Amino acid sequence: RDHGNTFDMHRLLHFAKEQGRQDELIGLLYRANFAEER
């Protein structure tokens, strides 16, 4: 796995909150970072 800056992800999560999709996005971000290759 790799490691980097997460600021843009947090900004995107605030946008998702406005759209009522925050929980869906954070779950996908977690899975992508910890379980997926890309």
PDB file of all heavy atoms in Angstrom:
ATOM      1  N   ARG A   1       0.851  -1.188   0.000  1.00  0.00           N
ATOM      2  CA  ARG A   1       0.000   0.000   0.000  1.00  0.00           C
ATOM      3  C   ARG A   1       0.892   1.245   0.000  1.00  0.00           C
ATOM      4  O   ARG A   1       2.050   1.194   0.392  1.00  0.00           O
ATOM      5  CB  ARG A   1      -0.907   0.025   1.223  1.00  0.00           C
ATOM      6  CG  ARG A   1      -2.081  -0.920   1.153  1.00  0.00           C
ATOM      7  CD  ARG A   1      -3.151  -0.615   2.199  1.00  0.00           C
ATOM      8  NE  ARG A   1      -2.634  -0.536   3.558  1.00  0.00           N
ATOM      9  CZ  ARG A   1      -2.512   0.601   4.255  1.00  0.00           C
ATOM     10  NH1 ARG A   1      -2.848   1.753   3.703  1.00  0.00           N
ATOM     11  NH2 ARG A   1      -2.030   0.573   5.480  1.00  0.00           N
ATOM     12  N   ASP A   2       0.299   2.389  -0.428  1.00  0.00           N
ATOM     13  CA  ASP A   2       1.061   3.630  -0.380  1.00  0.00           C
ATOM     14  C   ASP A   2       0.381   4.638   0.540  1.00  0.00           C
ATOM     15  O   ASP A   2      -0.709   4.395   1.072  1.00  0.00           O
ATOM     16  CB  ASP A   2       1.293   4.212  -1.780  1.00  0.00           C
ATOM     17  CG  ASP A   2      -0.007   4.533  -2.508  1.00  0.00           C
ATOM     18  OD1 ASP A   2      -1.103   4.355  -1.920  1.00  0.00           O
ATOM     19  OD2 ASP A   2       0.065   4.956  -3.676  1.00  0.00           O
ATOM     20  N   HIS A   3       1.045   5.764   0.744  1.00  0.00           N
ATOM     21  CA  HIS A   3       0.587   6.779   1.697  1.00  0.00           C
ATOM     22  C   HIS A   3       0.817   8.152   1.096  1.00  0.00           C
ATOM     23  O   HIS A   3       1.828   8.399   0.432  1.00  0.00           O
ATOM     24  CB  HIS A   3       1.371   6.637   3.008  1.00  0.00           C
ATOM     25  CG  HIS A   3       1.035   7.692   4.028  1.00  0.00           C
ATOM     26  ND1 HIS A   3      -0.085   7.616   4.829  1.00  0.00           N
ATOM     27  CD2 HIS A   3       1.664   8.853   4.366  1.00  0.00           C
ATOM     28  CE1 HIS A   3      -0.120   8.669   5.623  1.00  0.00           C
ATOM     29  NE2 HIS A   3       0.928   9.433   5.365  1.00  0.00           N
ATOM     30  N   GLY A   4      -0.130   9.058   1.308  1.00  0.00           N
ATOM     31  CA  GLY A   4       0.019  10.401   0.770  1.00  0.00           C
ATOM     32  C   GLY A   4      -0.889  11.391   1.471  1.00  0.00           C
ATOM     33  O   GLY A   4      -1.474  11.110   2.526  1.00  0.00           O
ATOM     34  N   ASN A   5      -1.013  12.560   0.882  1.00  0.00           N
ATOM     35  CA  ASN A   5      -1.815  13.644   1.425  1.00  0.00           C
ATOM     36  C   ASN A   5      -3.306  13.372   1.202  1.00  0.00           C
ATOM     37  O   ASN A   5      -3.709  12.949   0.122  1.00  0.00           O
ATOM     38  CB  ASN A   5      -1.399  14.961   0.751  1.00  0.00           C
ATOM     39  CG  ASN A   5      -2.191  16.141   1.245  1.00  0.00           C
ATOM     40  OD1 ASN A   5      -3.342  16.331   0.868  1.00  0.00           O
ATOM     41  ND2 ASN A   5      -1.589  16.941   2.096  1.00  0.00           N
ATOM     42  N   THR A   6      -4.133  13.627   2.222  1.00  0.00           N
ATOM     43  CA  THR A   6      -5.569  13.327   2.127  1.00  0.00           C
ATOM     44  C   THR A   6      -6.450  14.575   2.084  1.00  0.00           C
ATOM     45  O   THR A   6      -7.678  14.472   2.136  1.00  0.00           O
ATOM     46  CB  THR A   6      -6.017  12.465   3.330  1.00  0.00           C
ATOM     47  OG1 THR A   6      -5.722  13.157   4.549  1.00  0.00           O
ATOM     48  CG2 THR A   6      -5.312  11.117   3.320  1.00  0.00           C
ATOM     49  N   PHE A   7      -5.844  15.753   1.963  1.00  0.00           N
ATOM     50  CA  PHE A   7      -6.615  16.994   2.036  1.00  0.00           C
ATOM     51  C   PHE A   7      -7.700  17.061   0.959  1.00  0.00           C
ATOM     52  O   PHE A   7      -8.847  17.455   1.235  1.00  0.00           O
ATOM     53  CB  PHE A   7      -5.676  18.199   1.915  1.00  0.00           C
ATOM     54  CG  PHE A   7      -6.338  19.525   2.168  1.00  0.00           C
ATOM     55  CD1 PHE A   7      -6.894  19.797   3.411  1.00  0.00           C
ATOM     56  CD2 PHE A   7      -6.398  20.485   1.181  1.00  0.00           C
ATOM     57  CE1 PHE A   7      -7.510  21.027   3.658  1.00  0.00           C
ATOM     58  CE2 PHE A   7      -7.012  21.713   1.423  1.00  0.00           C
ATOM     59  CZ  PHE A   7      -7.566  21.988   2.658  1.00  0.00           C
ATOM     60  N   ASP A   8      -7.370  16.691  -0.277  1.00  0.00           N
ATOM     61  CA  ASP A   8      -8.371  16.742  -1.346  1.00  0.00           C
ATOM     62  C   ASP A   8      -9.526  15.779  -1.089  1.00  0.00           C
ATOM     63  O   ASP A   8     -10.674  16.065  -1.448  1.00  0.00           O
ATOM     64  CB  ASP A   8      -7.722  16.420  -2.703  1.00  0.00           C
ATOM     65  CG  ASP A   8      -6.895  17.576  -3.234  1.00  0.00           C
ATOM     66  OD1 ASP A   8      -6.990  18.686  -2.669  1.00  0.00           O
ATOM     67  OD2 ASP A   8      -6.158  17.371  -4.215  1.00  0.00           O
ATOM     68  N   MET A   9      -9.249  14.646  -0.484  1.00  0.00           N
ATOM     69  CA  MET A   9     -10.325  13.708  -0.158  1.00  0.00           C
ATOM     70  C   MET A   9     -11.271  14.313   0.868  1.00  0.00           C
ATOM     71  O   MET A   9     -12.489  14.163   0.766  1.00  0.00           O
ATOM     72  CB  MET A   9      -9.736  12.396   0.369  1.00  0.00           C
ATOM     73  CG  MET A   9      -8.892  11.659  -0.645  1.00  0.00           C
ATOM     74  SD  MET A   9      -8.254  10.120   0.049  1.00  0.00           S
ATOM     75  CE  MET A   9      -6.646  10.059  -0.739  1.00  0.00           C
ATOM     76  N   HIS A  10     -10.717  15.020   1.843  1.00  0.00           N
ATOM     77  CA  HIS A  10     -11.561  15.672   2.844  1.00  0.00           C
ATOM     78  C   HIS A  10     -12.404  16.772   2.198  1.00  0.00           C
ATOM     79  O   HIS A  10     -13.585  16.948   2.543  1.00  0.00           O
ATOM     80  CB  HIS A  10     -10.713  16.229   3.978  1.00  0.00           C
ATOM     81  CG  HIS A  10     -10.164  15.183   4.889  1.00  0.00           C
ATOM     82  ND1 HIS A  10     -10.983  14.397   5.685  1.00  0.00           N
ATOM     83  CD2 HIS A  10      -8.895  14.772   5.135  1.00  0.00           C
ATOM     84  CE1 HIS A  10     -10.234  13.565   6.392  1.00  0.00           C
ATOM     85  NE2 HIS A  10      -8.964  13.768   6.070  1.00  0.00           N
ATOM     86  N   ARG A  11     -11.811  17.515   1.270  1.00  0.00           N
ATOM     87  CA  ARG A  11     -12.592  18.554   0.580  1.00  0.00           C
ATOM     88  C   ARG A  11     -13.741  17.914  -0.191  1.00  0.00           C
ATOM     89  O   ARG A  11     -14.887  18.405  -0.172  1.00  0.00           O
ATOM     90  CB  ARG A  11     -11.690  19.342  -0.373  1.00  0.00           C
ATOM     91  CG  ARG A  11     -10.623  20.171   0.327  1.00  0.00           C
ATOM     92  CD  ARG A  11      -9.986  21.203  -0.587  1.00  0.00           C
ATOM     93  NE  ARG A  11      -9.346  20.643  -1.764  1.00  0.00           N
ATOM     94  CZ  ARG A  11      -9.801  20.768  -3.006  1.00  0.00           C
ATOM     95  NH1 ARG A  11     -10.946  21.415  -3.256  1.00  0.00           N
ATOM     96  NH2 ARG A  11      -9.131  20.242  -4.030  1.00  0.00           N
ATOM     97  N   LEU A  12     -13.448  16.810  -0.848  1.00  0.00           N
ATOM     98  CA  LEU A  12     -14.478  16.112  -1.610  1.00  0.00           C
ATOM     99  C   LEU A  12     -15.574  15.552  -0.699  1.00  0.00           C
ATOM    100  O   LEU A  12     -16.758  15.541  -1.063  1.00  0.00           O
ATOM    101  CB  LEU A  12     -13.823  14.989  -2.422  1.00  0.00           C
ATOM    102  CG  LEU A  12     -14.598  14.431  -3.626  1.00  0.00           C
ATOM    103  CD1 LEU A  12     -14.936  15.532  -4.616  1.00  0.00           C
ATOM    104  CD2 LEU A  12     -13.774  13.338  -4.299  1.00  0.00           C
ATOM    105  N   LEU A  13     -15.196  15.128   0.489  1.00  0.00           N
ATOM    106  CA  LEU A  13     -16.181  14.622   1.445  1.00  0.00           C
ATOM    107  C   LEU A  13     -17.129  15.718   1.922  1.00  0.00           C
ATOM    108  O   LEU A  13     -18.312  15.460   2.178  1.00  0.00           O
ATOM    109  CB  LEU A  13     -15.476  13.973   2.639  1.00  0.00           C
ATOM    110  CG  LEU A  13     -14.927  12.569   2.380  1.00  0.00           C
ATOM    111  CD1 LEU A  13     -13.940  12.170   3.467  1.00  0.00           C
ATOM    112  CD2 LEU A  13     -16.072  11.553   2.304  1.00  0.00           C
ATOM    113  N   HIS A  14     -16.633  16.941   2.039  1.00  0.00           N
ATOM    114  CA  HIS A  14     -17.522  18.050   2.400  1.00  0.00           C
ATOM    115  C   HIS A  14     -18.501  18.346   1.273  1.00  0.00           C
ATOM    116  O   HIS A  14     -19.673  18.655   1.521  1.00  0.00           O
ATOM    117  CB  HIS A  14     -16.707  19.288   2.768  1.00  0.00           C
ATOM    118  CG  HIS A  14     -16.238  19.282   4.187  1.00  0.00           C
ATOM    119  ND1 HIS A  14     -17.044  19.666   5.238  1.00  0.00           N
ATOM    120  CD2 HIS A  14     -15.056  18.919   4.731  1.00  0.00           C
ATOM    121  CE1 HIS A  14     -16.383  19.547   6.369  1.00  0.00           C
ATOM    122  NE2 HIS A  14     -15.169  19.094   6.096  1.00  0.00           N
ATOM    123  N   PHE A  15     -18.030  18.252   0.044  1.00  0.00           N
ATOM    124  CA  PHE A  15     -18.937  18.394  -1.101  1.00  0.00           C
ATOM    125  C   PHE A  15     -19.986  17.283  -1.069  1.00  0.00           C
ATOM    126  O   PHE A  15     -21.184  17.533  -1.273  1.00  0.00           O
ATOM    127  CB  PHE A  15     -18.133  18.340  -2.406  1.00  0.00           C
ATOM    128  CG  PHE A  15     -18.968  18.149  -3.634  1.00  0.00           C
ATOM    129  CD1 PHE A  15     -19.888  19.108  -4.028  1.00  0.00           C
ATOM    130  CD2 PHE A  15     -18.841  17.005  -4.407  1.00  0.00           C
ATOM    131  CE1 PHE A  15     -20.672  18.922  -5.171  1.00  0.00           C
ATOM    132  CE2 PHE A  15     -19.614  16.814  -5.541  1.00  0.00           C
ATOM    133  CZ  PHE A  15     -20.536  17.777  -5.926  1.00  0.00           C
ATOM    134  N   ALA A  16     -19.555  16.059  -0.800  1.00  0.00           N
ATOM    135  CA  ALA A  16     -20.484  14.924  -0.747  1.00  0.00           C
ATOM    136  C   ALA A  16     -21.511  15.109   0.361  1.00  0.00           C
ATOM    137  O   ALA A  16     -22.673  14.700   0.223  1.00  0.00           O
ATOM    138  CB  ALA A  16     -19.706  13.630  -0.544  1.00  0.00           C
ATOM    139  N   LYS A  17     -21.104  15.713   1.466  1.00  0.00           N
ATOM    140  CA  LYS A  17     -22.039  15.965   2.564  1.00  0.00           C
ATOM    141  C   LYS A  17     -23.173  16.855   2.086  1.00  0.00           C
ATOM    142  O   LYS A  17     -24.359  16.618   2.411  1.00  0.00           O
ATOM    143  CB  LYS A  17     -21.308  16.614   3.732  1.00  0.00           C
ATOM    144  CG  LYS A  17     -22.208  16.932   4.918  1.00  0.00           C
ATOM    145  CD  LYS A  17     -21.440  17.694   5.987  1.00  0.00           C
ATOM    146  CE  LYS A  17     -22.382  18.134   7.103  1.00  0.00           C
ATOM    147  NZ  LYS A  17     -21.682  18.987   8.102  1.00  0.00           N
ATOM    148  N   GLU A  18     -22.863  17.893   1.319  1.00  0.00           N
ATOM    149  CA  GLU A  18     -23.904  18.782   0.790  1.00  0.00           C
ATOM    150  C   GLU A  18     -24.890  18.037  -0.104  1.00  0.00           C
ATOM    151  O   GLU A  18     -26.060  18.402  -0.181  1.00  0.00           O
ATOM    152  CB  GLU A  18     -23.265  19.915  -0.018  1.00  0.00           C
ATOM    153  CG  GLU A  18     -22.566  20.961   0.806  1.00  0.00           C
ATOM    154  CD  GLU A  18     -22.104  22.140  -0.019  1.00  0.00           C
ATOM    155  OE1 GLU A  18     -22.099  22.028  -1.270  1.00  0.00           O
ATOM    156  OE2 GLU A  18     -21.736  23.165   0.566  1.00  0.00           O
ATOM    157  N   GLN A  19     -24.398  16.994  -0.763  1.00  0.00           N
ATOM    158  CA  GLN A  19     -25.242  16.216  -1.674  1.00  0.00           C
ATOM    159  C   GLN A  19     -25.905  15.023  -0.996  1.00  0.00           C
ATOM    160  O   GLN A  19     -26.570  14.222  -1.657  1.00  0.00           O
ATOM    161  CB  GLN A  19     -24.386  15.723  -2.858  1.00  0.00           C
ATOM    162  CG  GLN A  19     -23.615  16.809  -3.581  1.00  0.00           C
ATOM    163  CD  GLN A  19     -24.514  17.884  -4.145  1.00  0.00           C
ATOM    164  OE1 GLN A  19     -25.516  17.591  -4.799  1.00  0.00           O
ATOM    165  NE2 GLN A  19     -24.156  19.156  -3.914  1.00  0.00           N
ATOM    166  N   GLY A  20     -25.670  14.865   0.303  1.00  0.00           N
ATOM    167  CA  GLY A  20     -26.259  13.740   1.028  1.00  0.00           C
ATOM    168  C   GLY A  20     -25.616  12.404   0.710  1.00  0.00           C
ATOM    169  O   GLY A  20     -26.228  11.352   0.910  1.00  0.00           O
ATOM    170  N   ARG A  21     -24.344  12.426   0.265  1.00  0.00           N
ATOM    171  CA  ARG A  21     -23.667  11.185  -0.131  1.00  0.00           C
ATOM    172  C   ARG A  21     -22.350  11.003   0.616  1.00  0.00           C
ATOM    173  O   ARG A  21     -21.472  10.253   0.176  1.00  0.00           O
ATOM    174  CB  ARG A  21     -23.389  11.177  -1.646  1.00  0.00           C
ATOM    175  CG  ARG A  21     -24.563  11.529  -2.517  1.00  0.00           C
ATOM    176  CD  ARG A  21     -25.731  10.576  -2.328  1.00  0.00           C
ATOM    177  NE  ARG A  21     -25.423   9.230  -2.770  1.00  0.00           N
ATOM    178  CZ  ARG A  21     -26.265   8.211  -2.670  1.00  0.00           C
ATOM    179  NH1 ARG A  21     -27.456   8.384  -2.105  1.00  0.00           N
ATOM    180  NH2 ARG A  21     -25.927   7.009  -3.086  1.00  0.00           N
ATOM    181  N   GLN A  22     -22.208  11.631   1.762  1.00  0.00           N
ATOM    182  CA  GLN A  22     -20.932  11.592   2.481  1.00  0.00           C
ATOM    183  C   GLN A  22     -20.580  10.198   2.969  1.00  0.00           C
ATOM    184  O   GLN A  22     -19.438   9.741   2.815  1.00  0.00           O
ATOM    185  CB  GLN A  22     -20.967  12.568   3.650  1.00  0.00           C
ATOM    186  CG  GLN A  22     -19.608  12.768   4.321  1.00  0.00           C
ATOM    187  CD  GLN A  22     -19.698  13.586   5.589  1.00  0.00           C
ATOM    188  OE1 GLN A  22     -20.568  13.363   6.424  1.00  0.00           O
ATOM    189  NE2 GLN A  22     -18.796  14.543   5.735  1.00  0.00           N
ATOM    190  N   ASP A  23     -21.533   9.511   3.579  1.00  0.00           N
ATOM    191  CA  ASP A  23     -21.225   8.193   4.122  1.00  0.00           C
ATOM    192  C   ASP A  23     -20.862   7.214   3.018  1.00  0.00           C
ATOM    193  O   ASP A  23     -19.958   6.386   3.181  1.00  0.00           O
ATOM    194  CB  ASP A  23     -22.411   7.663   4.930  1.00  0.00           C
ATOM    195  CG  ASP A  23     -22.029   6.454   5.776  1.00  0.00           C
ATOM    196  OD1 ASP A  23     -21.212   6.614   6.695  1.00  0.00           O
ATOM    197  OD2 ASP A  23     -22.530   5.358   5.495  1.00  0.00           O
ATOM    198  N   GLU A  24     -21.559   7.322   1.879  1.00  0.00           N
ATOM    199  CA  GLU A  24     -21.238   6.442   0.750  1.00  0.00           C
ATOM    200  C   GLU A  24     -19.811   6.684   0.261  1.00  0.00           C
ATOM    201  O   GLU A  24     -19.064   5.737   0.000  1.00  0.00           O
ATOM    202  CB  GLU A  24     -22.216   6.684  -0.407  1.00  0.00           C
ATOM    203  CG  GLU A  24     -23.626   6.184  -0.148  1.00  0.00           C
ATOM    204  CD  GLU A  24     -24.463   7.153   0.666  1.00  0.00           C
ATOM    205  OE1 GLU A  24     -23.938   8.228   1.052  1.00  0.00           O
ATOM    206  OE2 GLU A  24     -25.638   6.845   0.937  1.00  0.00           O
ATOM    207  N   LEU A  25     -19.420   7.960   0.168  1.00  0.00           N
ATOM    208  CA  LEU A  25     -18.092   8.268  -0.355  1.00  0.00           C
ATOM    209  C   LEU A  25     -16.992   7.852   0.615  1.00  0.00           C
ATOM    210  O   LEU A  25     -15.982   7.276   0.189  1.00  0.00           O
ATOM    211  CB  LEU A  25     -17.973   9.757  -0.669  1.00  0.00           C
ATOM    212  CG  LEU A  25     -16.611  10.197  -1.236  1.00  0.00           C
ATOM    213  CD1 LEU A  25     -16.267   9.425  -2.503  1.00  0.00           C
ATOM    214  CD2 LEU A  25     -16.581  11.699  -1.490  1.00  0.00           C
ATOM    215  N   ILE A  26     -17.171   8.116   1.894  1.00  0.00           N
ATOM    216  CA  ILE A  26     -16.086   7.766   2.818  1.00  0.00           C
ATOM    217  C   ILE A  26     -15.884   6.254   2.863  1.00  0.00           C
ATOM    218  O   ILE A  26     -14.749   5.762   2.962  1.00  0.00           O
ATOM    219  CB  ILE A  26     -16.327   8.348   4.228  1.00  0.00           C
ATOM    220  CG1 ILE A  26     -15.005   8.363   5.005  1.00  0.00           C
ATOM    221  CG2 ILE A  26     -17.405   7.591   4.988  1.00  0.00           C
ATOM    222  CD1 ILE A  26     -15.067   9.157   6.295  1.00  0.00           C
ATOM    223  N   GLY A  27     -16.969   5.498   2.746  1.00  0.00           N
ATOM    224  CA  GLY A  27     -16.828   4.042   2.714  1.00  0.00           C
ATOM    225  C   GLY A  27     -16.048   3.569   1.507  1.00  0.00           C
ATOM    226  O   GLY A  27     -15.192   2.679   1.606  1.00  0.00           O
ATOM    227  N   LEU A  28     -16.304   4.194   0.359  1.00  0.00           N
ATOM    228  CA  LEU A  28     -15.580   3.827  -0.863  1.00  0.00           C
ATOM    229  C   LEU A  28     -14.116   4.250  -0.798  1.00  0.00           C
ATOM    230  O   LEU A  28     -13.230   3.533  -1.269  1.00  0.00           O
ATOM    231  CB  LEU A  28     -16.256   4.468  -2.072  1.00  0.00           C
ATOM    232  CG  LEU A  28     -17.617   3.879  -2.456  1.00  0.00           C
ATOM    233  CD1 LEU A  28     -18.328   4.778  -3.468  1.00  0.00           C
ATOM    234  CD2 LEU A  28     -17.442   2.478  -3.035  1.00  0.00           C
ATOM    235  N   LEU A  29     -13.851   5.404  -0.204  1.00  0.00           N
ATOM    236  CA  LEU A  29     -12.465   5.865  -0.062  1.00  0.00           C
ATOM    237  C   LEU A  29     -11.667   4.933   0.850  1.00  0.00           C
ATOM    238  O   LEU A  29     -10.518   4.589   0.553  1.00  0.00           O
ATOM    239  CB  LEU A  29     -12.441   7.289   0.487  1.00  0.00           C
ATOM    240  CG  LEU A  29     -12.863   8.398  -0.476  1.00  0.00           C
ATOM    241  CD1 LEU A  29     -13.057   9.714   0.263  1.00  0.00           C
ATOM    242  CD2 LEU A  29     -11.844   8.575  -1.601  1.00  0.00           C
ATOM    243  N   TYR A  30     -12.278   4.530   1.952  1.00  0.00           N
ATOM    244  CA  TYR A  30     -11.605   3.589   2.851  1.00  0.00           C
ATOM    245  C   TYR A  30     -11.268   2.287   2.120  1.00  0.00           C
ATOM    246  O   TYR A  30     -10.138   1.790   2.197  1.00  0.00           O
ATOM    247  CB  TYR A  30     -12.494   3.267   4.049  1.00  0.00           C
ATOM    248  CG  TYR A  30     -12.425   4.257   5.179  1.00  0.00           C
ATOM    249  CD1 TYR A  30     -13.592   4.671   5.821  1.00  0.00           C
ATOM    250  CD2 TYR A  30     -11.220   4.766   5.641  1.00  0.00           C
ATOM    251  CE1 TYR A  30     -13.555   5.564   6.877  1.00  0.00           C
ATOM    252  CE2 TYR A  30     -11.166   5.658   6.685  1.00  0.00           C
ATOM    253  CZ  TYR A  30     -12.340   6.054   7.306  1.00  0.00           C
ATOM    254  OH  TYR A  30     -12.293   6.940   8.345  1.00  0.00           O
ATOM    255  N   ARG A  31     -12.253   1.741   1.456  1.00  0.00           N
ATOM    256  CA  ARG A  31     -12.030   0.467   0.776  1.00  0.00           C
ATOM    257  C   ARG A  31     -10.955   0.600  -0.306  1.00  0.00           C
ATOM    258  O   ARG A  31     -10.080  -0.260  -0.436  1.00  0.00           O
ATOM    259  CB  ARG A  31     -13.335  -0.063   0.167  1.00  0.00           C
ATOM    260  CG  ARG A  31     -13.107  -1.357  -0.590  1.00  0.00           C
ATOM    261  CD  ARG A  31     -14.354  -2.068  -1.028  1.00  0.00           C
ATOM    262  NE  ARG A  31     -13.981  -3.260  -1.777  1.00  0.00           N
ATOM    263  CZ  ARG A  31     -13.591  -4.394  -1.242  1.00  0.00           C
ATOM    264  NH1 ARG A  31     -13.541  -4.515   0.074  1.00  0.00           N
ATOM    265  NH2 ARG A  31     -13.251  -5.424  -1.983  1.00  0.00           N
ATOM    266  N   ALA A  32     -11.022   1.686  -1.059  1.00  0.00           N
ATOM    267  CA  ALA A  32     -10.038   1.894  -2.115  1.00  0.00           C
ATOM    268  C   ALA A  32      -8.628   2.001  -1.551  1.00  0.00           C
ATOM    269  O   ALA A  32      -7.669   1.449  -2.105  1.00  0.00           O
ATOM    270  CB  ALA A  32     -10.385   3.155  -2.907  1.00  0.00           C
ATOM    271  N   ASN A  33      -8.476   2.694  -0.433  1.00  0.00           N
ATOM    272  CA  ASN A  33      -7.145   2.887   0.139  1.00  0.00           C
ATOM    273  C   ASN A  33      -6.597   1.636   0.806  1.00  0.00           C
ATOM    274  O   ASN A  33      -5.413   1.326   0.674  1.00  0.00           O
ATOM    275  CB  ASN A  33      -7.176   4.034   1.150  1.00  0.00           C
ATOM    276  CG  ASN A  33      -5.795   4.342   1.716  1.00  0.00           C
ATOM    277  OD1 ASN A  33      -4.809   4.359   0.984  1.00  0.00           O
ATOM    278  ND2 ASN A  33      -5.725   4.575   3.007  1.00  0.00           N
ATOM    279  N   PHE A  34      -7.447   0.925   1.507  1.00  0.00           N
ATOM    280  CA  PHE A  34      -6.960  -0.204   2.305  1.00  0.00           C
ATOM    281  C   PHE A  34      -7.115  -1.573   1.656  1.00  0.00           C
ATOM    282  O   PHE A  34      -6.428  -2.512   2.054  1.00  0.00           O
ATOM    283  CB  PHE A  34      -7.650  -0.214   3.671  1.00  0.00           C
ATOM    284  CG  PHE A  34      -7.239   0.929   4.547  1.00  0.00           C
ATOM    285  CD1 PHE A  34      -8.120   1.972   4.794  1.00  0.00           C
ATOM    286  CD2 PHE A  34      -5.971   0.983   5.101  1.00  0.00           C
ATOM    287  CE1 PHE A  34      -7.734   3.037   5.580  1.00  0.00           C
ATOM    288  CE2 PHE A  34      -5.575   2.043   5.880  1.00  0.00           C
ATOM    289  CZ  PHE A  34      -6.458   3.080   6.138  1.00  0.00           C
ATOM    290  N   ALA A  35      -7.996  -1.692   0.672  1.00  0.00           N
ATOM    291  CA  ALA A  35      -8.267  -3.028   0.142  1.00  0.00           C
ATOM    292  C   ALA A  35      -7.997  -3.187  -1.345  1.00  0.00           C
ATOM    293  O   ALA A  35      -7.859  -4.317  -1.825  1.00  0.00           O
ATOM    294  CB  ALA A  35      -9.729  -3.405   0.425  1.00  0.00           C
ATOM    295  N   GLU A  36      -7.895  -2.068  -2.077  1.00  0.00           N
ATOM    296  CA  GLU A  36      -7.745  -2.171  -3.524  1.00  0.00           C
ATOM    297  C   GLU A  36      -6.334  -1.797  -3.959  1.00  0.00           C
ATOM    298  O   GLU A  36      -5.627  -1.059  -3.278  1.00  0.00           O
ATOM    299  CB  GLU A  36      -8.795  -1.301  -4.212  1.00  0.00           C
ATOM    300  CG  GLU A  36     -10.222  -1.749  -3.899  1.00  0.00           C
ATOM    301  CD  GLU A  36     -11.286  -0.838  -4.483  1.00  0.00           C
ATOM    302  OE1 GLU A  36     -10.930   0.125  -5.198  1.00  0.00           O
ATOM    303  OE2 GLU A  36     -12.482  -1.080  -4.224  1.00  0.00           O
ATOM    304  N   GLU A  37      -5.959  -2.303  -5.112  1.00  0.00           N
ATOM    305  CA  GLU A  37      -4.571  -2.140  -5.576  1.00  0.00           C
ATOM    306  C   GLU A  37      -4.287  -0.733  -6.082  1.00  0.00           C
ATOM    307  O   GLU A  37      -3.202  -0.195  -5.861  1.00  0.00           O
ATOM    308  CB  GLU A  37      -4.289  -3.166  -6.682  1.00  0.00           C
ATOM    309  CG  GLU A  37      -2.849  -3.160  -7.154  1.00  0.00           C
ATOM    310  CD  GLU A  37      -2.563  -4.291  -8.120  1.00  0.00           C
ATOM    311  OE1 GLU A  37      -3.426  -5.180  -8.276  1.00  0.00           O
ATOM    312  OE2 GLU A  37      -1.477  -4.283  -8.721  1.00  0.00           O
ATOM    313  N   ARG A  38      -5.207  -0.134  -6.779  1.00  0.00           N
ATOM    314  CA  ARG A  38      -4.957   1.177  -7.384  1.00  0.00           C
ATOM    315  C   ARG A  38      -4.905   2.278  -6.327  1.00  0.00           C
ATOM    316  O   ARG A  38      -5.760   2.355  -5.447  1.00  0.00           O
ATOM    317  CB  ARG A  38      -6.055   1.489  -8.407  1.00  0.00           C
ATOM    318  CG  ARG A  38      -5.807   2.762  -9.195  1.00  0.00           C
ATOM    319  CD  ARG A  38      -6.885   2.946 -10.235  1.00  0.00           C
ATOM    320  NE  ARG A  38      -6.802   4.244 -10.879  1.00  0.00           N
ATOM    321  CZ  ARG A  38      -7.727   4.741 -11.684  1.00  0.00           C
ATOM    322  NH1 ARG A  38      -8.819   4.004 -11.945  1.00  0.00           N
ATOM    323  NH2 ARG A  38      -7.591   5.931 -12.231  1.00  0.00           N
TER     324      ARG A  38
END
